[in-house]
């Protein structure tokens, strides 16, 4: 599903973020990406999401080459990816329902379909009873559940979770990662970038360790390994 073929990314000032990355992520995998700050984790995710383009090498998503993806095709590519962030990125003046519905509204989905899909997704993440609440009325864990619902509502092929438990307590973090594992069990590919050793160890799936822009460990079923 996702393939990096000899991919390097160099930022302005000749700063190498990734060097000669060769990687394949298959449909239905759960992959944890770990490494110290500056190891290249965020750049790796941005290349998949096409927020950044490779300096050299080729990045493929579902057999489509992402290098120099046109602006016209970019929104269609991103509909196949659900993004979950550490800081939730919810719209403060919209309710839970409206935050999730917005992802479908911008795609031009009919109102009747939006109503049905949003209700179903909120029930999956156990937030159906709070659909009329606003973000400031929710706990951090509840806000992250809404963010997960928003990422899921357009039925993406891949969920990318970038430090999704970074602002949460250990108990809530476990609840969030268990939710991501259930989503993966339903067939969605999940890519989790995390500094949280306990979370990565509990997932116990494929682990990629990045160090100075290179993959130094690729373990099919492993634990967190510091670079």
N, C-alpha and C. Protein backbone atom coordinates (compact mmCIF):
# COMPACT_ATOMS: atom_id res chain seq x y z
N UNK A 1 0.82 -1.21 0.00
CA UNK A 1 0.00 0.00 0.00
C UNK A 1 0.85 1.26 0.00
N UNK A 2 1.89 1.29 0.86
CA UNK A 2 2.80 2.44 0.93
C UNK A 2 4.21 1.93 0.67
N UNK A 3 4.91 2.63 -0.22
CA UNK A 3 6.27 2.20 -0.56
C UNK A 3 7.20 3.40 -0.66
N UNK A 4 8.34 3.32 0.01
CA UNK A 4 9.42 4.29 -0.11
C UNK A 4 10.57 3.59 -0.83
N UNK A 5 10.98 4.15 -1.95
CA UNK A 5 12.06 3.57 -2.75
C UNK A 5 13.24 4.53 -2.77
N UNK A 6 14.25 4.25 -1.93
CA UNK A 6 15.46 5.07 -1.83
C UNK A 6 15.15 6.55 -1.62
N UNK A 7 14.29 6.82 -0.64
CA UNK A 7 13.78 8.18 -0.43
C UNK A 7 14.68 8.97 0.52
N UNK A 8 15.04 10.16 0.09
CA UNK A 8 15.74 11.12 0.94
C UNK A 8 14.98 12.43 0.94
N UNK A 9 15.05 13.14 2.07
CA UNK A 9 14.43 14.46 2.18
C UNK A 9 15.45 15.39 2.81
N UNK A 10 15.77 16.47 2.08
CA UNK A 10 16.72 17.47 2.56
C UNK A 10 16.02 18.81 2.61
N UNK A 11 16.01 19.44 3.78
CA UNK A 11 15.39 20.75 3.93
C UNK A 11 16.40 21.85 3.60
N UNK A 12 15.90 23.06 3.51
CA UNK A 12 16.76 24.20 3.22
C UNK A 12 17.90 24.29 4.23
N UNK A 13 19.06 24.68 3.73
CA UNK A 13 20.24 24.72 4.58
C UNK A 13 20.98 23.41 4.59
N UNK A 14 20.62 22.51 3.62
CA UNK A 14 21.25 21.19 3.50
C UNK A 14 21.08 20.35 4.76
N UNK A 15 19.89 20.45 5.38
CA UNK A 15 19.61 19.65 6.56
C UNK A 15 18.92 18.35 6.14
N UNK A 16 19.59 17.20 6.28
CA UNK A 16 18.99 15.93 5.86
C UNK A 16 18.03 15.39 6.92
N UNK A 17 16.76 15.27 6.57
CA UNK A 17 15.76 14.74 7.51
C UNK A 17 15.59 13.24 7.35
N UNK A 18 15.67 12.76 6.10
CA UNK A 18 15.60 11.32 5.81
C UNK A 18 16.68 10.98 4.79
N UNK A 19 17.29 9.80 4.95
CA UNK A 19 18.34 9.38 4.02
C UNK A 19 18.12 7.94 3.56
N UNK A 20 17.92 7.79 2.26
CA UNK A 20 17.86 6.48 1.62
C UNK A 20 16.89 5.52 2.33
N UNK A 21 15.65 5.96 2.49
CA UNK A 21 14.63 5.14 3.16
C UNK A 21 14.01 4.17 2.16
N UNK A 22 14.09 2.88 2.48
CA UNK A 22 13.40 1.84 1.72
C UNK A 22 12.41 1.16 2.67
N UNK A 23 11.13 1.23 2.31
CA UNK A 23 10.11 0.81 3.26
C UNK A 23 8.85 0.40 2.52
N UNK A 24 8.20 -0.67 2.99
CA UNK A 24 6.89 -1.04 2.48
C UNK A 24 5.96 -1.28 3.67
N UNK A 25 4.79 -0.68 3.61
CA UNK A 25 3.74 -0.90 4.61
C UNK A 25 2.55 -1.49 3.89
N UNK A 26 2.10 -2.65 4.34
CA UNK A 26 1.05 -3.37 3.62
C UNK A 26 -0.34 -3.08 4.21
N UNK A 27 -1.33 -3.34 3.40
CA UNK A 27 -2.72 -3.12 3.81
C UNK A 27 -3.04 -3.90 5.09
N UNK A 28 -3.65 -3.22 6.06
CA UNK A 28 -4.07 -3.87 7.29
C UNK A 28 -3.01 -3.95 8.37
N UNK A 29 -1.81 -3.42 8.12
CA UNK A 29 -0.75 -3.45 9.14
C UNK A 29 -0.99 -2.39 10.21
N UNK A 30 -0.43 -2.63 11.38
CA UNK A 30 -0.33 -1.63 12.44
C UNK A 30 1.17 -1.42 12.66
N UNK A 31 1.65 -0.23 12.34
CA UNK A 31 3.08 0.05 12.41
C UNK A 31 3.33 1.19 13.40
N UNK A 32 4.19 0.94 14.38
CA UNK A 32 4.62 1.98 15.31
C UNK A 32 5.96 2.53 14.84
N UNK A 33 6.04 3.86 14.76
CA UNK A 33 7.27 4.53 14.33
C UNK A 33 7.83 5.28 15.53
N UNK A 34 9.05 4.93 15.94
CA UNK A 34 9.64 5.52 17.13
C UNK A 34 11.01 6.09 16.80
N UNK A 35 11.51 6.92 17.70
CA UNK A 35 12.81 7.56 17.52
C UNK A 35 12.83 8.87 18.27
N UNK A 36 14.02 9.35 18.57
CA UNK A 36 14.17 10.60 19.30
C UNK A 36 13.73 11.78 18.45
N UNK A 37 13.50 12.92 19.09
CA UNK A 37 13.16 14.14 18.35
C UNK A 37 14.25 14.43 17.32
N UNK A 38 13.83 14.75 16.10
CA UNK A 38 14.78 15.01 15.03
C UNK A 38 15.22 13.77 14.28
N UNK A 39 14.64 12.61 14.61
CA UNK A 39 15.06 11.36 13.95
C UNK A 39 14.45 11.21 12.57
N UNK A 40 13.37 11.97 12.27
CA UNK A 40 12.75 11.90 10.95
C UNK A 40 11.33 11.37 10.95
N UNK A 41 10.77 11.10 12.13
CA UNK A 41 9.42 10.53 12.20
C UNK A 41 8.38 11.42 11.52
N UNK A 42 8.37 12.70 11.89
CA UNK A 42 7.36 13.61 11.35
C UNK A 42 7.51 13.78 9.84
N UNK A 43 8.75 13.82 9.37
CA UNK A 43 8.98 13.95 7.93
C UNK A 43 8.47 12.72 7.19
N UNK A 44 8.68 11.55 7.76
CA UNK A 44 8.17 10.31 7.16
C UNK A 44 6.66 10.38 6.99
N UNK A 45 5.96 10.82 8.03
CA UNK A 45 4.50 10.93 7.97
C UNK A 45 4.07 11.97 6.95
N UNK A 46 4.78 13.10 6.91
CA UNK A 46 4.42 14.18 5.98
C UNK A 46 4.58 13.75 4.53
N UNK A 47 5.53 12.88 4.25
CA UNK A 47 5.70 12.38 2.89
C UNK A 47 4.55 11.47 2.48
N UNK A 48 4.03 10.70 3.43
CA UNK A 48 2.87 9.84 3.14
C UNK A 48 1.63 10.69 2.89
N UNK A 49 1.48 11.74 3.67
CA UNK A 49 0.32 12.63 3.57
C UNK A 49 0.48 13.64 2.44
N UNK A 50 1.66 13.67 1.85
CA UNK A 50 2.01 14.61 0.76
C UNK A 50 1.99 16.06 1.22
N UNK A 51 2.29 16.26 2.51
CA UNK A 51 2.52 17.63 3.00
C UNK A 51 3.92 18.08 2.59
N UNK A 52 4.82 17.12 2.44
CA UNK A 52 6.17 17.36 1.92
C UNK A 52 6.41 16.40 0.76
N UNK A 53 7.33 16.76 -0.13
CA UNK A 53 7.72 15.90 -1.24
C UNK A 53 9.17 15.45 -1.07
N UNK A 54 9.47 14.27 -1.56
CA UNK A 54 10.83 13.73 -1.45
C UNK A 54 11.81 14.56 -2.27
N UNK A 55 13.01 14.73 -1.74
CA UNK A 55 14.08 15.38 -2.50
C UNK A 55 14.61 14.43 -3.57
N UNK A 56 14.71 13.16 -3.21
CA UNK A 56 15.11 12.13 -4.18
C UNK A 56 14.43 10.83 -3.80
N UNK A 57 14.37 9.90 -4.74
CA UNK A 57 13.66 8.65 -4.51
C UNK A 57 12.18 8.80 -4.82
N UNK A 58 11.43 7.74 -4.60
CA UNK A 58 10.01 7.73 -4.97
C UNK A 58 9.16 7.23 -3.82
N UNK A 59 8.02 7.93 -3.61
CA UNK A 59 7.04 7.54 -2.60
C UNK A 59 5.76 7.14 -3.32
N UNK A 60 5.26 5.94 -3.00
CA UNK A 60 4.02 5.45 -3.62
C UNK A 60 2.95 5.25 -2.55
N UNK A 61 1.71 5.55 -2.93
CA UNK A 61 0.57 5.27 -2.06
C UNK A 61 -0.49 4.59 -2.92
N UNK A 62 -0.82 3.35 -2.56
CA UNK A 62 -1.80 2.58 -3.32
C UNK A 62 -1.42 2.54 -4.81
N UNK A 63 -0.13 2.32 -5.06
CA UNK A 63 0.46 2.22 -6.39
C UNK A 63 0.57 3.55 -7.14
N UNK A 64 0.15 4.65 -6.53
CA UNK A 64 0.24 5.96 -7.16
C UNK A 64 1.49 6.70 -6.69
N UNK A 65 2.25 7.24 -7.63
CA UNK A 65 3.45 7.99 -7.29
C UNK A 65 3.07 9.35 -6.73
N UNK A 66 3.60 9.67 -5.53
CA UNK A 66 3.25 10.92 -4.87
C UNK A 66 4.20 12.06 -5.20
N UNK A 67 5.34 11.75 -5.76
CA UNK A 67 6.29 12.82 -6.10
C UNK A 67 5.63 13.84 -7.02
N UNK A 68 5.71 15.10 -6.60
CA UNK A 68 5.15 16.19 -7.41
C UNK A 68 3.65 16.02 -7.70
N UNK A 69 2.93 15.50 -6.71
CA UNK A 69 1.48 15.35 -6.84
C UNK A 69 0.85 16.72 -7.09
N UNK A 70 -0.03 16.81 -8.07
CA UNK A 70 -0.62 18.10 -8.42
C UNK A 70 -1.60 18.56 -7.35
N UNK A 71 -1.81 19.88 -7.26
CA UNK A 71 -2.76 20.42 -6.29
C UNK A 71 -4.16 19.89 -6.53
N UNK A 72 -4.49 19.63 -7.78
CA UNK A 72 -5.83 19.13 -8.11
C UNK A 72 -6.06 17.74 -7.53
N UNK A 73 -5.01 16.91 -7.54
CA UNK A 73 -5.15 15.54 -7.07
C UNK A 73 -4.92 15.41 -5.56
N UNK A 74 -4.31 16.42 -4.95
CA UNK A 74 -3.96 16.33 -3.53
C UNK A 74 -5.16 16.07 -2.62
N UNK A 75 -6.30 16.78 -2.77
CA UNK A 75 -7.44 16.50 -1.88
C UNK A 75 -7.95 15.07 -1.99
N UNK A 76 -7.90 14.50 -3.18
CA UNK A 76 -8.37 13.12 -3.37
C UNK A 76 -7.44 12.13 -2.68
N UNK A 77 -6.14 12.41 -2.73
CA UNK A 77 -5.18 11.56 -2.02
C UNK A 77 -5.44 11.61 -0.51
N UNK A 78 -5.64 12.81 0.01
CA UNK A 78 -5.79 12.96 1.46
C UNK A 78 -7.10 12.40 2.00
N UNK A 79 -8.09 12.21 1.13
CA UNK A 79 -9.33 11.57 1.58
C UNK A 79 -9.10 10.10 1.93
N UNK A 80 -8.02 9.53 1.43
CA UNK A 80 -7.69 8.14 1.75
C UNK A 80 -6.92 8.01 3.05
N UNK A 81 -6.61 9.15 3.68
CA UNK A 81 -5.81 9.16 4.90
C UNK A 81 -6.53 9.94 5.99
N UNK A 82 -6.66 9.34 7.16
CA UNK A 82 -7.22 10.04 8.31
C UNK A 82 -6.09 10.44 9.24
N UNK A 83 -5.99 11.74 9.56
CA UNK A 83 -4.91 12.25 10.40
C UNK A 83 -5.40 12.51 11.83
N UNK A 84 -4.62 12.06 12.81
CA UNK A 84 -4.91 12.29 14.22
C UNK A 84 -3.68 12.94 14.83
N UNK A 85 -3.88 14.08 15.52
CA UNK A 85 -2.76 14.86 16.03
C UNK A 85 -2.75 14.88 17.56
N UNK A 86 -1.62 15.27 18.12
CA UNK A 86 -1.47 15.37 19.57
C UNK A 86 -2.40 16.44 20.16
N UNK A 87 -2.58 17.55 19.43
CA UNK A 87 -3.36 18.67 19.97
C UNK A 87 -4.80 18.72 19.45
N UNK A 88 -5.29 17.59 18.93
CA UNK A 88 -6.70 17.37 18.56
C UNK A 88 -7.14 18.17 17.33
N UNK A 89 -6.85 19.48 17.29
CA UNK A 89 -7.21 20.35 16.16
C UNK A 89 -8.72 20.37 15.89
N UNK A 90 -9.50 20.40 16.96
CA UNK A 90 -10.95 20.53 16.82
C UNK A 90 -11.33 21.99 16.63
N UNK A 91 -12.44 22.23 15.98
CA UNK A 91 -12.94 23.59 15.78
C UNK A 91 -13.72 24.00 17.03
N UNK A 92 -13.26 25.00 17.77
CA UNK A 92 -13.83 25.30 19.09
C UNK A 92 -15.28 25.76 19.08
N UNK A 93 -15.75 26.35 17.99
CA UNK A 93 -17.11 26.87 17.93
C UNK A 93 -18.09 25.89 17.29
N UNK A 94 -17.63 24.69 17.05
CA UNK A 94 -18.51 23.65 16.50
C UNK A 94 -18.70 22.54 17.53
N UNK A 95 -19.88 21.95 17.54
CA UNK A 95 -20.16 20.84 18.45
C UNK A 95 -19.39 19.60 18.01
N UNK A 96 -19.45 18.57 18.85
CA UNK A 96 -18.84 17.29 18.50
C UNK A 96 -19.37 16.81 17.15
N UNK A 97 -20.67 16.81 16.99
CA UNK A 97 -21.28 16.37 15.74
C UNK A 97 -20.78 17.22 14.57
N UNK A 98 -20.77 18.53 14.75
CA UNK A 98 -20.38 19.43 13.67
C UNK A 98 -18.90 19.27 13.30
N UNK A 99 -18.05 19.02 14.29
CA UNK A 99 -16.64 18.81 14.01
C UNK A 99 -16.43 17.60 13.11
N UNK A 100 -17.13 16.52 13.39
CA UNK A 100 -16.99 15.31 12.59
C UNK A 100 -17.67 15.48 11.23
N UNK A 101 -18.83 16.11 11.23
CA UNK A 101 -19.57 16.31 9.98
C UNK A 101 -18.81 17.19 9.00
N UNK A 102 -18.01 18.11 9.54
CA UNK A 102 -17.31 19.07 8.68
C UNK A 102 -16.40 18.36 7.68
N UNK A 103 -15.80 17.25 8.10
CA UNK A 103 -14.92 16.50 7.21
C UNK A 103 -15.66 15.98 5.98
N UNK A 104 -16.95 15.70 6.14
CA UNK A 104 -17.76 15.22 5.02
C UNK A 104 -18.35 16.38 4.22
N UNK A 105 -18.67 17.47 4.92
CA UNK A 105 -19.25 18.63 4.24
C UNK A 105 -18.30 19.19 3.18
N UNK A 106 -17.01 19.28 3.54
CA UNK A 106 -16.05 19.84 2.59
C UNK A 106 -15.84 18.93 1.38
N UNK A 107 -16.22 17.65 1.53
CA UNK A 107 -16.11 16.70 0.42
C UNK A 107 -17.40 16.65 -0.40
N UNK A 108 -18.41 17.44 0.00
CA UNK A 108 -19.65 17.51 -0.76
C UNK A 108 -20.59 16.33 -0.55
N UNK A 109 -20.49 15.66 0.59
CA UNK A 109 -21.36 14.53 0.88
C UNK A 109 -22.77 15.04 1.21
N UNK A 110 -23.84 14.40 0.70
CA UNK A 110 -25.21 14.84 0.98
C UNK A 110 -25.55 14.84 2.47
N UNK A 111 -26.43 15.76 2.88
CA UNK A 111 -26.77 15.92 4.30
C UNK A 111 -27.30 14.64 4.93
N UNK A 112 -28.14 13.91 4.22
CA UNK A 112 -28.72 12.69 4.78
C UNK A 112 -27.63 11.65 5.08
N UNK A 113 -26.67 11.54 4.19
CA UNK A 113 -25.56 10.60 4.39
C UNK A 113 -24.67 11.06 5.53
N UNK A 114 -24.47 12.37 5.66
CA UNK A 114 -23.67 12.92 6.76
C UNK A 114 -24.30 12.57 8.10
N UNK A 115 -25.60 12.78 8.22
CA UNK A 115 -26.31 12.48 9.46
C UNK A 115 -26.11 11.03 9.88
N UNK A 116 -26.27 10.13 8.94
CA UNK A 116 -26.16 8.69 9.23
C UNK A 116 -24.72 8.30 9.58
N UNK A 117 -23.77 8.76 8.77
CA UNK A 117 -22.38 8.35 8.97
C UNK A 117 -21.79 8.91 10.26
N UNK A 118 -22.08 10.17 10.56
CA UNK A 118 -21.52 10.79 11.76
C UNK A 118 -22.05 10.10 13.01
N UNK A 119 -23.33 9.81 13.03
CA UNK A 119 -23.92 9.13 14.19
C UNK A 119 -23.25 7.77 14.40
N UNK A 120 -23.04 7.02 13.33
CA UNK A 120 -22.43 5.69 13.44
C UNK A 120 -21.01 5.78 13.97
N UNK A 121 -20.23 6.73 13.45
CA UNK A 121 -18.83 6.86 13.86
C UNK A 121 -18.73 7.31 15.31
N UNK A 122 -19.58 8.24 15.73
CA UNK A 122 -19.55 8.70 17.12
C UNK A 122 -19.92 7.56 18.07
N UNK A 123 -20.82 6.70 17.66
CA UNK A 123 -21.17 5.54 18.49
C UNK A 123 -19.98 4.58 18.60
N UNK A 124 -19.21 4.42 17.52
CA UNK A 124 -18.05 3.53 17.53
C UNK A 124 -17.01 4.00 18.55
N UNK A 125 -16.83 5.33 18.66
CA UNK A 125 -15.82 5.86 19.60
C UNK A 125 -16.44 6.25 20.95
N UNK A 126 -17.67 5.80 21.18
CA UNK A 126 -18.38 6.02 22.45
C UNK A 126 -18.58 7.50 22.77
N UNK A 127 -18.88 8.30 21.74
CA UNK A 127 -19.13 9.72 21.95
C UNK A 127 -20.50 10.15 21.43
N UNK A 128 -21.35 9.18 21.13
CA UNK A 128 -22.67 9.48 20.60
C UNK A 128 -23.53 10.30 21.54
N UNK A 129 -23.37 10.09 22.84
CA UNK A 129 -24.20 10.80 23.82
C UNK A 129 -23.72 12.23 24.05
N UNK A 130 -22.56 12.57 23.50
CA UNK A 130 -22.01 13.92 23.72
C UNK A 130 -21.90 14.70 22.42
N UNK A 131 -22.71 14.34 21.44
CA UNK A 131 -22.58 14.96 20.12
C UNK A 131 -22.94 16.44 20.12
N UNK A 132 -23.68 16.92 21.11
CA UNK A 132 -24.08 18.32 21.16
C UNK A 132 -23.13 19.17 22.02
N UNK A 133 -22.13 18.52 22.61
CA UNK A 133 -21.16 19.24 23.43
C UNK A 133 -20.14 19.96 22.55
N UNK A 134 -19.50 20.99 23.13
CA UNK A 134 -18.42 21.70 22.46
C UNK A 134 -17.07 21.21 23.01
N UNK A 135 -15.99 21.38 22.25
CA UNK A 135 -14.69 20.87 22.70
C UNK A 135 -14.30 21.27 24.12
N UNK A 136 -14.58 22.52 24.53
CA UNK A 136 -14.17 22.97 25.86
C UNK A 136 -14.94 22.27 26.97
N UNK A 137 -16.02 21.58 26.60
CA UNK A 137 -16.81 20.84 27.59
C UNK A 137 -16.36 19.38 27.71
N UNK A 138 -15.32 19.01 27.00
CA UNK A 138 -14.86 17.63 26.98
C UNK A 138 -13.49 17.49 27.64
N UNK A 139 -13.21 16.30 28.13
CA UNK A 139 -11.86 16.00 28.64
C UNK A 139 -10.91 15.82 27.45
N UNK A 140 -9.61 15.75 27.75
CA UNK A 140 -8.63 15.55 26.69
C UNK A 140 -8.87 14.24 25.94
N UNK A 141 -9.17 13.18 26.69
CA UNK A 141 -9.43 11.89 26.06
C UNK A 141 -10.66 11.92 25.16
N UNK A 142 -11.69 12.62 25.63
CA UNK A 142 -12.91 12.73 24.82
C UNK A 142 -12.66 13.53 23.55
N UNK A 143 -11.86 14.60 23.66
CA UNK A 143 -11.52 15.38 22.47
C UNK A 143 -10.75 14.52 21.46
N UNK A 144 -9.86 13.67 21.97
CA UNK A 144 -9.10 12.82 21.05
C UNK A 144 -10.01 11.79 20.39
N UNK A 145 -11.01 11.31 21.10
CA UNK A 145 -11.97 10.39 20.49
C UNK A 145 -12.74 11.06 19.35
N UNK A 146 -13.08 12.33 19.56
CA UNK A 146 -13.75 13.08 18.50
C UNK A 146 -12.82 13.24 17.31
N UNK A 147 -11.55 13.51 17.59
CA UNK A 147 -10.56 13.64 16.51
C UNK A 147 -10.42 12.32 15.74
N UNK A 148 -10.48 11.20 16.45
CA UNK A 148 -10.42 9.89 15.80
C UNK A 148 -11.66 9.68 14.94
N UNK A 149 -12.83 10.06 15.47
CA UNK A 149 -14.07 9.94 14.70
C UNK A 149 -13.99 10.77 13.43
N UNK A 150 -13.47 11.97 13.53
CA UNK A 150 -13.32 12.84 12.36
C UNK A 150 -12.40 12.20 11.32
N UNK A 151 -11.33 11.56 11.79
CA UNK A 151 -10.40 10.91 10.88
C UNK A 151 -11.01 9.69 10.20
N UNK A 152 -11.93 9.04 10.89
CA UNK A 152 -12.54 7.80 10.40
C UNK A 152 -13.75 8.01 9.50
N UNK A 153 -14.40 9.15 9.60
CA UNK A 153 -15.74 9.29 9.05
C UNK A 153 -15.80 9.16 7.54
N UNK A 154 -14.70 9.46 6.85
CA UNK A 154 -14.72 9.31 5.39
C UNK A 154 -14.10 7.98 4.94
N UNK A 155 -14.06 7.01 5.86
CA UNK A 155 -13.61 5.64 5.58
C UNK A 155 -12.25 5.60 4.88
N UNK A 156 -11.20 6.15 5.52
CA UNK A 156 -9.87 6.18 4.89
C UNK A 156 -9.23 4.79 4.82
N UNK A 157 -8.27 4.66 3.93
CA UNK A 157 -7.51 3.42 3.84
C UNK A 157 -6.48 3.33 4.96
N UNK A 158 -5.98 4.50 5.39
CA UNK A 158 -4.89 4.57 6.37
C UNK A 158 -5.22 5.61 7.44
N UNK A 159 -4.95 5.28 8.68
CA UNK A 159 -4.99 6.25 9.78
C UNK A 159 -3.55 6.54 10.20
N UNK A 160 -3.18 7.82 10.22
CA UNK A 160 -1.87 8.24 10.72
C UNK A 160 -2.09 8.97 12.04
N UNK A 161 -1.54 8.43 13.10
CA UNK A 161 -1.68 9.01 14.44
C UNK A 161 -0.33 9.54 14.90
N UNK A 162 -0.20 10.86 14.93
CA UNK A 162 1.08 11.50 15.27
C UNK A 162 1.06 11.92 16.74
N UNK A 163 1.70 11.11 17.58
CA UNK A 163 1.73 11.35 19.04
C UNK A 163 0.33 11.58 19.61
N UNK A 164 -0.63 10.69 19.34
CA UNK A 164 -2.02 10.94 19.74
C UNK A 164 -2.25 10.91 21.24
N UNK A 165 -1.31 10.37 22.01
CA UNK A 165 -1.47 10.29 23.47
C UNK A 165 -0.55 11.25 24.20
N UNK A 166 0.11 12.14 23.45
CA UNK A 166 1.11 13.02 24.05
C UNK A 166 0.60 13.93 25.13
N UNK A 167 -0.69 14.32 25.06
CA UNK A 167 -1.26 15.24 26.06
C UNK A 167 -2.21 14.54 27.03
N UNK A 168 -2.15 13.20 27.08
CA UNK A 168 -3.12 12.45 27.86
C UNK A 168 -2.46 11.68 29.00
N UNK A 169 -3.24 11.40 30.04
CA UNK A 169 -2.73 10.62 31.16
C UNK A 169 -2.62 9.14 30.74
N UNK A 170 -1.88 8.33 31.52
CA UNK A 170 -1.63 6.93 31.11
C UNK A 170 -2.90 6.11 30.89
N UNK A 171 -3.90 6.27 31.75
CA UNK A 171 -5.13 5.49 31.61
C UNK A 171 -5.87 5.85 30.33
N UNK A 172 -6.00 7.16 30.07
CA UNK A 172 -6.67 7.62 28.87
C UNK A 172 -5.87 7.25 27.63
N UNK A 173 -4.54 7.31 27.72
CA UNK A 173 -3.68 6.93 26.60
C UNK A 173 -3.93 5.49 26.20
N UNK A 174 -4.06 4.62 27.21
CA UNK A 174 -4.33 3.21 26.94
C UNK A 174 -5.68 3.05 26.23
N UNK A 175 -6.67 3.80 26.66
CA UNK A 175 -7.99 3.73 26.04
C UNK A 175 -7.92 4.14 24.57
N UNK A 176 -7.14 5.18 24.28
CA UNK A 176 -7.02 5.66 22.90
C UNK A 176 -6.30 4.63 22.03
N UNK A 177 -5.23 4.04 22.53
CA UNK A 177 -4.50 3.07 21.72
C UNK A 177 -5.31 1.80 21.51
N UNK A 178 -6.13 1.43 22.51
CA UNK A 178 -7.01 0.28 22.33
C UNK A 178 -8.04 0.54 21.24
N UNK A 179 -8.51 1.78 21.17
CA UNK A 179 -9.43 2.17 20.11
C UNK A 179 -8.76 2.07 18.74
N UNK A 180 -7.51 2.53 18.65
CA UNK A 180 -6.77 2.43 17.39
C UNK A 180 -6.56 0.97 16.99
N UNK A 181 -6.34 0.11 17.96
CA UNK A 181 -6.15 -1.31 17.66
C UNK A 181 -7.45 -1.94 17.16
N UNK A 182 -8.58 -1.52 17.72
CA UNK A 182 -9.86 -2.04 17.24
C UNK A 182 -10.12 -1.59 15.80
N UNK A 183 -9.76 -0.35 15.51
CA UNK A 183 -9.91 0.17 14.15
C UNK A 183 -9.05 -0.65 13.19
N UNK A 184 -7.84 -0.97 13.61
CA UNK A 184 -6.94 -1.79 12.79
C UNK A 184 -7.52 -3.19 12.57
N UNK A 185 -8.13 -3.75 13.58
CA UNK A 185 -8.71 -5.08 13.46
C UNK A 185 -9.87 -5.12 12.46
N UNK A 186 -10.46 -3.95 12.19
CA UNK A 186 -11.52 -3.86 11.19
C UNK A 186 -10.97 -3.71 9.77
N UNK A 187 -9.63 -3.68 9.64
CA UNK A 187 -9.02 -3.68 8.33
C UNK A 187 -8.32 -2.41 7.91
N UNK A 188 -8.38 -1.37 8.75
CA UNK A 188 -7.73 -0.10 8.41
C UNK A 188 -6.25 -0.14 8.80
N UNK A 189 -5.39 0.26 7.90
CA UNK A 189 -3.96 0.37 8.20
C UNK A 189 -3.74 1.51 9.19
N UNK A 190 -2.97 1.28 10.23
CA UNK A 190 -2.69 2.31 11.23
C UNK A 190 -1.18 2.52 11.34
N UNK A 191 -0.77 3.78 11.27
CA UNK A 191 0.62 4.15 11.47
C UNK A 191 0.67 5.07 12.68
N UNK A 192 1.33 4.62 13.73
CA UNK A 192 1.40 5.34 15.01
C UNK A 192 2.80 5.83 15.25
N UNK A 193 2.97 7.15 15.34
CA UNK A 193 4.25 7.73 15.76
C UNK A 193 4.14 8.08 17.23
N UNK A 194 5.06 7.57 18.04
CA UNK A 194 4.92 7.77 19.48
C UNK A 194 6.26 7.72 20.20
N UNK A 195 6.35 8.51 21.30
CA UNK A 195 7.48 8.44 22.22
C UNK A 195 7.14 7.56 23.42
N UNK A 196 5.90 7.09 23.50
CA UNK A 196 5.39 6.41 24.68
C UNK A 196 5.75 4.92 24.62
N UNK A 197 6.77 4.53 25.39
CA UNK A 197 7.23 3.14 25.38
C UNK A 197 6.13 2.17 25.77
N UNK A 198 5.36 2.49 26.82
CA UNK A 198 4.33 1.58 27.30
C UNK A 198 3.28 1.33 26.22
N UNK A 199 2.91 2.39 25.48
CA UNK A 199 1.91 2.25 24.44
C UNK A 199 2.41 1.36 23.31
N UNK A 200 3.63 1.63 22.83
CA UNK A 200 4.21 0.84 21.74
C UNK A 200 4.37 -0.62 22.15
N UNK A 201 4.82 -0.85 23.38
CA UNK A 201 4.99 -2.22 23.87
C UNK A 201 3.65 -2.95 23.96
N UNK A 202 2.61 -2.24 24.35
CA UNK A 202 1.30 -2.87 24.48
C UNK A 202 0.73 -3.25 23.11
N UNK A 203 0.96 -2.40 22.12
CA UNK A 203 0.50 -2.71 20.76
C UNK A 203 1.17 -3.99 20.27
N UNK A 204 2.49 -4.10 20.47
CA UNK A 204 3.24 -5.31 20.14
C UNK A 204 3.06 -5.73 18.68
N UNK A 205 3.13 -4.75 17.81
CA UNK A 205 3.07 -5.03 16.36
C UNK A 205 4.39 -4.56 15.74
N UNK A 206 4.40 -4.37 14.46
CA UNK A 206 5.62 -3.96 13.76
C UNK A 206 6.14 -2.63 14.30
N UNK A 207 7.44 -2.56 14.54
CA UNK A 207 8.08 -1.34 15.07
C UNK A 207 9.21 -0.91 14.14
N UNK A 208 9.16 0.36 13.72
CA UNK A 208 10.24 0.98 12.97
C UNK A 208 10.96 1.96 13.89
N UNK A 209 12.28 1.86 13.96
CA UNK A 209 13.06 2.80 14.75
C UNK A 209 13.88 3.67 13.79
N UNK A 210 13.69 4.98 13.91
CA UNK A 210 14.44 5.93 13.10
C UNK A 210 15.54 6.58 13.94
N UNK A 211 16.68 6.81 13.31
CA UNK A 211 17.78 7.52 13.96
C UNK A 211 18.53 8.30 12.89
N UNK A 212 18.58 9.62 13.07
CA UNK A 212 19.30 10.49 12.13
C UNK A 212 18.85 10.27 10.69
N UNK A 213 17.54 10.11 10.52
CA UNK A 213 16.97 10.01 9.19
C UNK A 213 17.04 8.65 8.53
N UNK A 214 17.49 7.65 9.27
CA UNK A 214 17.58 6.31 8.72
C UNK A 214 16.80 5.31 9.56
N UNK A 215 16.28 4.27 8.93
CA UNK A 215 15.63 3.18 9.66
C UNK A 215 16.72 2.24 10.16
N UNK A 216 16.85 2.14 11.48
CA UNK A 216 17.91 1.29 12.03
C UNK A 216 17.36 -0.03 12.58
N UNK A 217 16.03 -0.07 12.81
CA UNK A 217 15.38 -1.31 13.25
C UNK A 217 14.04 -1.41 12.56
N UNK A 218 13.72 -2.58 12.04
CA UNK A 218 12.39 -2.87 11.48
C UNK A 218 12.01 -4.25 11.97
N UNK A 219 11.23 -4.27 13.06
CA UNK A 219 10.90 -5.52 13.74
C UNK A 219 9.43 -5.86 13.49
N UNK A 220 9.17 -7.06 12.99
CA UNK A 220 7.82 -7.44 12.60
C UNK A 220 6.84 -7.43 13.77
N UNK A 221 7.31 -7.81 14.93
CA UNK A 221 6.44 -7.83 16.12
C UNK A 221 7.34 -7.58 17.31
N UNK A 222 7.40 -6.31 17.74
CA UNK A 222 8.39 -6.01 18.75
C UNK A 222 8.00 -4.95 19.74
N UNK A 223 8.98 -4.53 20.50
CA UNK A 223 8.81 -3.55 21.57
C UNK A 223 9.51 -2.25 21.18
N UNK A 224 9.28 -1.24 21.99
CA UNK A 224 9.94 0.05 21.78
C UNK A 224 11.44 -0.13 21.96
N UNK A 225 12.20 0.39 21.01
CA UNK A 225 13.66 0.36 21.11
C UNK A 225 14.17 1.77 20.90
N UNK A 226 14.86 2.31 21.89
CA UNK A 226 15.40 3.67 21.78
C UNK A 226 16.54 3.69 20.78
N UNK A 227 16.57 4.76 19.95
CA UNK A 227 17.64 4.87 18.97
C UNK A 227 18.89 5.46 19.62
